[in-house]
Amino acid sequence: MQKPSTQDVLLCAGTMASEVAGNTPQLQDENAIQLQLENQICSATNRGVRLTPTNWANASAYYQSVL
């Protein structure tokens, strides 16, 4: 994975929505895992909980940093 830009993280695009080239079963598994992690990182960043992984699935903790 390349270093993402701010726009990549906020939009979950570019390097934060990338896949490894190839079509073997192992690469397909790696792509699925990589895309899932990128999605979780983008979501947690946008919700203001990236630094506290225990709150990534805690909706009541979202967006506290913008208040």
PDB file of N, CA and C in Angstrom:
ATOM      1  N   MET A   1       0.838  -1.178   0.000  1.00  0.00           N
ATOM      2  CA  MET A   1       0.000   0.000   0.000  1.00  0.00           C
ATOM      3  C   MET A   1       0.877   1.233   0.000  1.00  0.00           C
ATOM      4  N   GLN A   2       0.531   2.197  -0.810  1.00  0.00           N
ATOM      5  CA  GLN A   2       1.245   3.463  -0.850  1.00  0.00           C
ATOM      6  C   GLN A   2       0.692   4.394   0.219  1.00  0.00           C
ATOM      7  N   LYS A   3       1.470   5.417   0.543  1.00  0.00           N
ATOM      8  CA  LYS A   3       1.037   6.402   1.529  1.00  0.00           C
ATOM      9  C   LYS A   3      -0.182   7.160   0.985  1.00  0.00           C
ATOM     10  N   PRO A   4      -1.272   7.173   1.721  1.00  0.00           N
ATOM     11  CA  PRO A   4      -2.474   7.861   1.233  1.00  0.00           C
ATOM     12  C   PRO A   4      -2.404   9.365   1.468  1.00  0.00           C
ATOM     13  N   SER A   5      -3.099  10.094   0.629  1.00  0.00           N
ATOM     14  CA  SER A   5      -3.234  11.534   0.840  1.00  0.00           C
ATOM     15  C   SER A   5      -4.414  11.764   1.784  1.00  0.00           C
ATOM     16  N   THR A   6      -4.555  12.981   2.259  1.00  0.00           N
ATOM     17  CA  THR A   6      -5.697  13.318   3.114  1.00  0.00           C
ATOM     18  C   THR A   6      -6.995  13.055   2.375  1.00  0.00           C
ATOM     19  N   GLN A   7      -7.034  13.436   1.109  1.00  0.00           N
ATOM     20  CA  GLN A   7      -8.235  13.231   0.302  1.00  0.00           C
ATOM     21  C   GLN A   7      -8.545  11.741   0.152  1.00  0.00           C
ATOM     22  N   ASP A   8      -7.519  10.908  -0.017  1.00  0.00           N
ATOM     23  CA  ASP A   8      -7.734   9.463  -0.123  1.00  0.00           C
ATOM     24  C   ASP A   8      -8.413   8.924   1.128  1.00  0.00           C
ATOM     25  N   VAL A   9      -7.972   9.374   2.298  1.00  0.00           N
ATOM     26  CA  VAL A   9      -8.535   8.877   3.556  1.00  0.00           C
ATOM     27  C   VAL A   9      -9.949   9.398   3.763  1.00  0.00           C
ATOM     28  N   LEU A  10     -10.168  10.682   3.522  1.00  0.00           N
ATOM     29  CA  LEU A  10     -11.491  11.252   3.755  1.00  0.00           C
ATOM     30  C   LEU A  10     -12.539  10.730   2.783  1.00  0.00           C
ATOM     31  N   LEU A  11     -12.120  10.419   1.566  1.00  0.00           N
ATOM     32  CA  LEU A  11     -13.057   9.927   0.559  1.00  0.00           C
ATOM     33  C   LEU A  11     -13.022   8.406   0.405  1.00  0.00           C
ATOM     34  N   CYS A  12     -12.096   7.754   1.112  1.00  0.00           N
ATOM     35  CA  CYS A  12     -11.874   6.312   0.978  1.00  0.00           C
ATOM     36  C   CYS A  12     -11.700   5.974  -0.499  1.00  0.00           C
ATOM     37  N   ALA A  13     -10.787   6.690  -1.122  1.00  0.00           N
ATOM     38  CA  ALA A  13     -10.526   6.541  -2.555  1.00  0.00           C
ATOM     39  C   ALA A  13      -9.028   6.447  -2.793  1.00  0.00           C
ATOM     40  N   GLY A  14      -8.642   6.330  -4.042  1.00  0.00           N
ATOM     41  CA  GLY A  14      -7.222   6.298  -4.390  1.00  0.00           C
ATOM     42  C   GLY A  14      -6.512   5.142  -3.719  1.00  0.00           C
ATOM     43  N   THR A  15      -5.449   5.437  -2.982  1.00  0.00           N
ATOM     44  CA  THR A  15      -4.670   4.379  -2.339  1.00  0.00           C
ATOM     45  C   THR A  15      -5.443   3.680  -1.226  1.00  0.00           C
ATOM     46  N   MET A  16      -6.511   4.278  -0.734  1.00  0.00           N
ATOM     47  CA  MET A  16      -7.312   3.646   0.313  1.00  0.00           C
ATOM     48  C   MET A  16      -8.439   2.790  -0.274  1.00  0.00           C
ATOM     49  N   ALA A  17      -8.420   2.595  -1.573  1.00  0.00           N
ATOM     50  CA  ALA A  17      -9.388   1.720  -2.237  1.00  0.00           C
ATOM     51  C   ALA A  17      -8.674   0.920  -3.318  1.00  0.00           C
ATOM     52  N   SER A  18      -7.443   0.533  -3.020  1.00  0.00           N
ATOM     53  CA  SER A  18      -6.619  -0.129  -4.029  1.00  0.00           C
ATOM     54  C   SER A  18      -6.614  -1.642  -3.837  1.00  0.00           C
ATOM     55  N   GLU A  19      -6.305  -2.324  -4.905  1.00  0.00           N
ATOM     56  CA  GLU A  19      -6.200  -3.773  -4.884  1.00  0.00           C
ATOM     57  C   GLU A  19      -4.857  -4.188  -5.466  1.00  0.00           C
ATOM     58  N   VAL A  20      -4.388  -5.337  -5.055  1.00  0.00           N
ATOM     59  CA  VAL A  20      -3.166  -5.906  -5.597  1.00  0.00           C
ATOM     60  C   VAL A  20      -3.525  -6.571  -6.925  1.00  0.00           C
ATOM     61  N   ALA A  21      -2.700  -6.364  -7.955  1.00  0.00           N
ATOM     62  CA  ALA A  21      -2.972  -6.972  -9.257  1.00  0.00           C
ATOM     63  C   ALA A  21      -2.787  -8.482  -9.189  1.00  0.00           C
ATOM     64  N   GLY A  22      -3.658  -9.184  -9.848  1.00  0.00           N
ATOM     65  CA  GLY A  22      -3.554 -10.639  -9.889  1.00  0.00           C
ATOM     66  C   GLY A  22      -4.895 -11.287  -9.629  1.00  0.00           C
ATOM     67  N   ASN A  23      -5.001 -12.544 -10.023  1.00  0.00           N
ATOM     68  CA  ASN A  23      -6.296 -13.202  -9.901  1.00  0.00           C
ATOM     69  C   ASN A  23      -6.195 -14.595  -9.282  1.00  0.00           C
ATOM     70  N   THR A  24      -5.158 -14.839  -8.506  1.00  0.00           N
ATOM     71  CA  THR A  24      -5.060 -16.137  -7.840  1.00  0.00           C
ATOM     72  C   THR A  24      -5.928 -16.115  -6.581  1.00  0.00           C
ATOM     73  N   PRO A  25      -6.347 -17.266  -6.099  1.00  0.00           N
ATOM     74  CA  PRO A  25      -7.157 -17.290  -4.868  1.00  0.00           C
ATOM     75  C   PRO A  25      -6.476 -16.587  -3.691  1.00  0.00           C
ATOM     76  N   GLN A  26      -5.164 -16.733  -3.564  1.00  0.00           N
ATOM     77  CA  GLN A  26      -4.455 -16.072  -2.465  1.00  0.00           C
ATOM     78  C   GLN A  26      -4.514 -14.556  -2.615  1.00  0.00           C
ATOM     79  N   LEU A  27      -4.311 -14.043  -3.829  1.00  0.00           N
ATOM     80  CA  LEU A  27      -4.382 -12.598  -4.039  1.00  0.00           C
ATOM     81  C   LEU A  27      -5.793 -12.083  -3.832  1.00  0.00           C
ATOM     82  N   GLN A  28      -6.795 -12.861  -4.202  1.00  0.00           N
ATOM     83  CA  GLN A  28      -8.172 -12.441  -3.966  1.00  0.00           C
ATOM     84  C   GLN A  28      -8.446 -12.310  -2.469  1.00  0.00           C
ATOM     85  N   ASP A  29      -7.935 -13.247  -1.674  1.00  0.00           N
ATOM     86  CA  ASP A  29      -8.085 -13.176  -0.217  1.00  0.00           C
ATOM     87  C   ASP A  29      -7.357 -11.967   0.344  1.00  0.00           C
ATOM     88  N   GLU A  30      -6.125 -11.743  -0.140  1.00  0.00           N
ATOM     89  CA  GLU A  30      -5.349 -10.589   0.326  1.00  0.00           C
ATOM     90  C   GLU A  30      -6.034  -9.283  -0.053  1.00  0.00           C
ATOM     91  N   ASN A  31      -6.597  -9.199  -1.253  1.00  0.00           N
ATOM     92  CA  ASN A  31      -7.322  -8.004  -1.668  1.00  0.00           C
ATOM     93  C   ASN A  31      -8.527  -7.752  -0.775  1.00  0.00           C
ATOM     94  N   ALA A  32      -9.270  -8.794  -0.468  1.00  0.00           N
ATOM     95  CA  ALA A  32     -10.451  -8.645   0.377  1.00  0.00           C
ATOM     96  C   ALA A  32     -10.067  -8.128   1.757  1.00  0.00           C
ATOM     97  N   ILE A  33      -8.999  -8.663   2.320  1.00  0.00           N
ATOM     98  CA  ILE A  33      -8.538  -8.224   3.645  1.00  0.00           C
ATOM     99  C   ILE A  33      -8.047  -6.785   3.575  1.00  0.00           C
ATOM    100  N   GLN A  34      -7.245  -6.462   2.560  1.00  0.00           N
ATOM    101  CA  GLN A  34      -6.709  -5.108   2.430  1.00  0.00           C
ATOM    102  C   GLN A  34      -7.830  -4.086   2.253  1.00  0.00           C
ATOM    103  N   LEU A  35      -8.790  -4.369   1.406  1.00  0.00           N
ATOM    104  CA  LEU A  35      -9.901  -3.437   1.200  1.00  0.00           C
ATOM    105  C   LEU A  35     -10.734  -3.270   2.465  1.00  0.00           C
ATOM    106  N   GLN A  36     -10.918  -4.354   3.210  1.00  0.00           N
ATOM    107  CA  GLN A  36     -11.674  -4.271   4.455  1.00  0.00           C
ATOM    108  C   GLN A  36     -10.957  -3.394   5.482  1.00  0.00           C
ATOM    109  N   LEU A  37      -9.650  -3.571   5.609  1.00  0.00           N
ATOM    110  CA  LEU A  37      -8.876  -2.748   6.541  1.00  0.00           C
ATOM    111  C   LEU A  37      -8.879  -1.285   6.118  1.00  0.00           C
ATOM    112  N   GLU A  38      -8.711  -1.029   4.823  1.00  0.00           N
ATOM    113  CA  GLU A  38      -8.730   0.353   4.337  1.00  0.00           C
ATOM    114  C   GLU A  38     -10.074   1.003   4.636  1.00  0.00           C
ATOM    115  N   ASN A  39     -11.151   0.252   4.445  1.00  0.00           N
ATOM    116  CA  ASN A  39     -12.483   0.772   4.724  1.00  0.00           C
ATOM    117  C   ASN A  39     -12.656   1.097   6.203  1.00  0.00           C
ATOM    118  N   GLN A  40     -12.183   0.223   7.077  1.00  0.00           N
ATOM    119  CA  GLN A  40     -12.300   0.452   8.514  1.00  0.00           C
ATOM    120  C   GLN A  40     -11.492   1.666   8.954  1.00  0.00           C
ATOM    121  N   ILE A  41     -10.304   1.829   8.399  1.00  0.00           N
ATOM    122  CA  ILE A  41      -9.464   2.981   8.752  1.00  0.00           C
ATOM    123  C   ILE A  41     -10.121   4.275   8.294  1.00  0.00           C
ATOM    124  N   CYS A  42     -10.627   4.297   7.073  1.00  0.00           N
ATOM    125  CA  CYS A  42     -11.300   5.497   6.562  1.00  0.00           C
ATOM    126  C   CYS A  42     -12.526   5.841   7.408  1.00  0.00           C
ATOM    127  N   SER A  43     -13.323   4.832   7.694  1.00  0.00           N
ATOM    128  CA  SER A  43     -14.533   5.058   8.486  1.00  0.00           C
ATOM    129  C   SER A  43     -14.203   5.577   9.879  1.00  0.00           C
ATOM    130  N   ALA A  44     -13.238   4.956  10.522  1.00  0.00           N
ATOM    131  CA  ALA A  44     -12.858   5.382  11.873  1.00  0.00           C
ATOM    132  C   ALA A  44     -12.296   6.794  11.867  1.00  0.00           C
ATOM    133  N   THR A  45     -11.549   7.158  10.843  1.00  0.00           N
ATOM    134  CA  THR A  45     -11.008   8.515  10.739  1.00  0.00           C
ATOM    135  C   THR A  45     -12.132   9.518  10.588  1.00  0.00           C
ATOM    136  N   ASN A  46     -13.057   9.249   9.694  1.00  0.00           N
ATOM    137  CA  ASN A  46     -14.164  10.169   9.454  1.00  0.00           C
ATOM    138  C   ASN A  46     -15.105  10.287  10.645  1.00  0.00           C
ATOM    139  N   ARG A  47     -15.172   9.257  11.454  1.00  0.00           N
ATOM    140  CA  ARG A  47     -16.054   9.274  12.630  1.00  0.00           C
ATOM    141  C   ARG A  47     -15.360   9.824  13.879  1.00  0.00           C
ATOM    142  N   GLY A  48     -14.077  10.118  13.766  1.00  0.00           N
ATOM    143  CA  GLY A  48     -13.340  10.697  14.882  1.00  0.00           C
ATOM    144  C   GLY A  48     -12.920   9.698  15.946  1.00  0.00           C
ATOM    145  N   VAL A  49     -12.835   8.417  15.599  1.00  0.00           N
ATOM    146  CA  VAL A  49     -12.473   7.402  16.591  1.00  0.00           C
ATOM    147  C   VAL A  49     -11.257   6.574  16.172  1.00  0.00           C
ATOM    148  N   ARG A  50     -10.486   7.034  15.202  1.00  0.00           N
ATOM    149  CA  ARG A  50      -9.368   6.256  14.674  1.00  0.00           C
ATOM    150  C   ARG A  50      -8.353   5.899  15.741  1.00  0.00           C
ATOM    151  N   LEU A  51      -8.117   6.757  16.691  1.00  0.00           N
ATOM    152  CA  LEU A  51      -7.086   6.521  17.709  1.00  0.00           C
ATOM    153  C   LEU A  51      -7.552   5.607  18.836  1.00  0.00           C
ATOM    154  N   THR A  52      -8.824   5.265  18.861  1.00  0.00           N
ATOM    155  CA  THR A  52      -9.353   4.365  19.888  1.00  0.00           C
ATOM    156  C   THR A  52     -10.106   3.211  19.217  1.00  0.00           C
ATOM    157  N   PRO A  53      -9.384   2.178  18.783  1.00  0.00           N
ATOM    158  CA  PRO A  53     -10.012   1.059  18.070  1.00  0.00           C
ATOM    159  C   PRO A  53     -11.164   0.391  18.819  1.00  0.00           C
ATOM    160  N   THR A  54     -11.180   0.478  20.128  1.00  0.00           N
ATOM    161  CA  THR A  54     -12.292  -0.115  20.870  1.00  0.00           C
ATOM    162  C   THR A  54     -13.607   0.601  20.575  1.00  0.00           C
ATOM    163  N   ASN A  55     -13.548   1.821  20.079  1.00  0.00           N
ATOM    164  CA  ASN A  55     -14.757   2.585  19.752  1.00  0.00           C
ATOM    165  C   ASN A  55     -15.144   2.509  18.280  1.00  0.00           C
ATOM    166  N   TRP A  56     -14.416   1.745  17.483  1.00  0.00           N
ATOM    167  CA  TRP A  56     -14.704   1.689  16.048  1.00  0.00           C
ATOM    168  C   TRP A  56     -16.119   1.180  15.772  1.00  0.00           C
ATOM    169  N   ALA A  57     -16.669   0.358  16.631  1.00  0.00           N
ATOM    170  CA  ALA A  57     -18.020  -0.173  16.448  1.00  0.00           C
ATOM    171  C   ALA A  57     -18.995   0.402  17.470  1.00  0.00           C
ATOM    172  N   ASN A  58     -18.596   1.446  18.158  1.00  0.00           N
ATOM    173  CA  ASN A  58     -19.426   2.064  19.198  1.00  0.00           C
ATOM    174  C   ASN A  58     -20.016   3.367  18.660  1.00  0.00           C
ATOM    175  N   ALA A  59     -21.226   3.303  18.141  1.00  0.00           N
ATOM    176  CA  ALA A  59     -21.846   4.457  17.490  1.00  0.00           C
ATOM    177  C   ALA A  59     -21.980   5.668  18.413  1.00  0.00           C
ATOM    178  N   SER A  60     -22.121   5.468  19.706  1.00  0.00           N
ATOM    179  CA  SER A  60     -22.273   6.604  20.622  1.00  0.00           C
ATOM    180  C   SER A  60     -20.979   7.402  20.768  1.00  0.00           C
ATOM    181  N   ALA A  61     -19.856   6.831  20.330  1.00  0.00           N
ATOM    182  CA  ALA A  61     -18.569   7.530  20.414  1.00  0.00           C
ATOM    183  C   ALA A  61     -18.238   8.307  19.142  1.00  0.00           C
ATOM    184  N   TYR A  62     -19.007   8.126  18.090  1.00  0.00           N
ATOM    185  CA  TYR A  62     -18.724   8.772  16.814  1.00  0.00           C
ATOM    186  C   TYR A  62     -18.918  10.277  16.894  1.00  0.00           C
ATOM    187  N   TYR A  63     -18.087  10.994  16.187  1.00  0.00           N
ATOM    188  CA  TYR A  63     -18.177  12.435  15.963  1.00  0.00           C
ATOM    189  C   TYR A  63     -18.047  13.284  17.224  1.00  0.00           C
ATOM    190  N   GLN A  64     -17.500  12.736  18.303  1.00  0.00           N
ATOM    191  CA  GLN A  64     -17.319  13.502  19.540  1.00  0.00           C
ATOM    192  C   GLN A  64     -16.299  14.621  19.381  1.00  0.00           C
ATOM    193  N   SER A  65     -15.304  14.435  18.526  1.00  0.00           N
ATOM    194  CA  SER A  65     -14.237  15.413  18.380  1.00  0.00           C
ATOM    195  C   SER A  65     -14.685  16.667  17.640  1.00  0.00           C
ATOM    196  N   VAL A  66     -15.856  16.657  17.006  1.00  0.00           N
ATOM    197  CA  VAL A  66     -16.320  17.826  16.261  1.00  0.00           C
ATOM    198  C   VAL A  66     -17.267  18.703  17.067  1.00  0.00           C
ATOM    199  N   LEU A  67     -17.557  18.310  18.270  1.00  0.00           N
ATOM    200  CA  LEU A  67     -18.494  19.100  19.089  1.00  0.00           C
ATOM    201  C   LEU A  67     -17.811  20.280  19.719  1.00  0.00           C
TER     202      LEU A  67
END
